[in-house]
Amino acid sequence: MTVRRIAIVAWSLERPGGQSAQAHALSIQLQKEGYAISFIPMDAPFPPGLRWVRRCPYVRTLLNQSLYLPSLVRLRQGDVVHVFAASYWSFLLSSVPAIVAARGLGKRIVLHYHSGEAEDHLANWGARVHYWLRLVDEIVVPSVYLRDVFARYGYRARVIRNLVDTSHFRYRERSRLRPRLLSVRNLEPFYRVDSTLEAFALLRDRYPNATFTIAGYGHGEGQLRRLAASLGTEGIRFVGRVSPEDMPSLYGQADIFVNSSVIDNQPVSILEAFASGLPVVSTGTGDIGNMARDGETGLIVPQGDPAAMAKAVATLLDDPERALVIARRARREVEKYTWPHVRDEWAMVYSGKAA
């Protein structure tokens, strides 16, 4: 079966995050391969006079659904419908309508599931998730970690790694490693930026010129700013939401990437750090331990242990040659996540061929 028309249903870049970045990157590469792409955003554009509604949660949801659901008629334009998915209410409100519409139109449905919360979602949401999963033709996940989660609930999922365009990032070797830390995670509880802040406070006792740049936004921003102030630590900078075109510069200004998440999957931000030459210190949750393998392509620390993170960062600063070796290995690792390595796998998914 030759497939050349793909309808992609996903969050737009107006809502920064791993899923939107993946949908955008995949759309670009597929178009370069000659596929006709119809992109249907789950976050439908609001009319200019109603953009203020995005600040009102429940009204925002109602307006978004009133615009999003009619737009699904455009699924007719695809031979295959590629639906991005997360967990919980996002799955019900955003992915399920696309699944239902595509099934009604007789389209082949590929569900591309990304959430690190999959275990809890599949265990506790019953028919609100399992009924709909049985309607799709194929489930694709970016990691072995998620494949194994789905297997425990009786689903066969195909693994295709996340995609990163390394040409957007300038790889720079940091032979003189400076204590310039960077976090690129949204400010939500499960990313535990608070733990990273506490690690930075410990580190700054030893490196008084250390800096910590925090990129991202979310419900926890106020609390994190208060924590930063209470730590009495200078050098912390909150830069908020950063556009994709400005991300390479942000990585270029930093020397070490740090992450303390307790729920995760396969963060694109870590891949971007690899591509930029930053050694990574992170918890090993989700698939991160397979990406930033401890002592090889990164340093892995326990969850909720700021002292361990501070010690790991200090280890890199004290031994820049080791940090450089780790960064070089990580740069080679990230090649596995580039388009030439996943192109044929997506072609097989769309055509319905077995892995």
Foldseek 3Di string as FASTA:
>chain_A
DDFQEEEEEEADLVDDDDGNVLSVVVVVVSVVVRHHYHYQHLQDDDPPVCPVCVVPPPSSLVVSLVRRLVVLVCRLRGLEYEYEDEADVRCQRGVQSNLVSCVVVVHAYEYEYEWLCLLVRLVPVPCSPVVSVVSHDAYEYADPLVQVSVVVVPDHHHHFHGADDLVLAAADFCLQFDQEEEEEDAQDVQFPVVLQLVLVLVLCVVVVPHAYEYEHYDDCPVVSVVSNVVSVHPRYHYPYHDRPSCVNVVLLVGAAYETQGPGGARGVVVLSNLSHLHAYEYACRHPNCVLCPDLAQHNHDHHPDSNRSSVRSVVCNVPVVSSSRNSVRNNVSSVCNHCVNRVVVVSCVNVVHDD
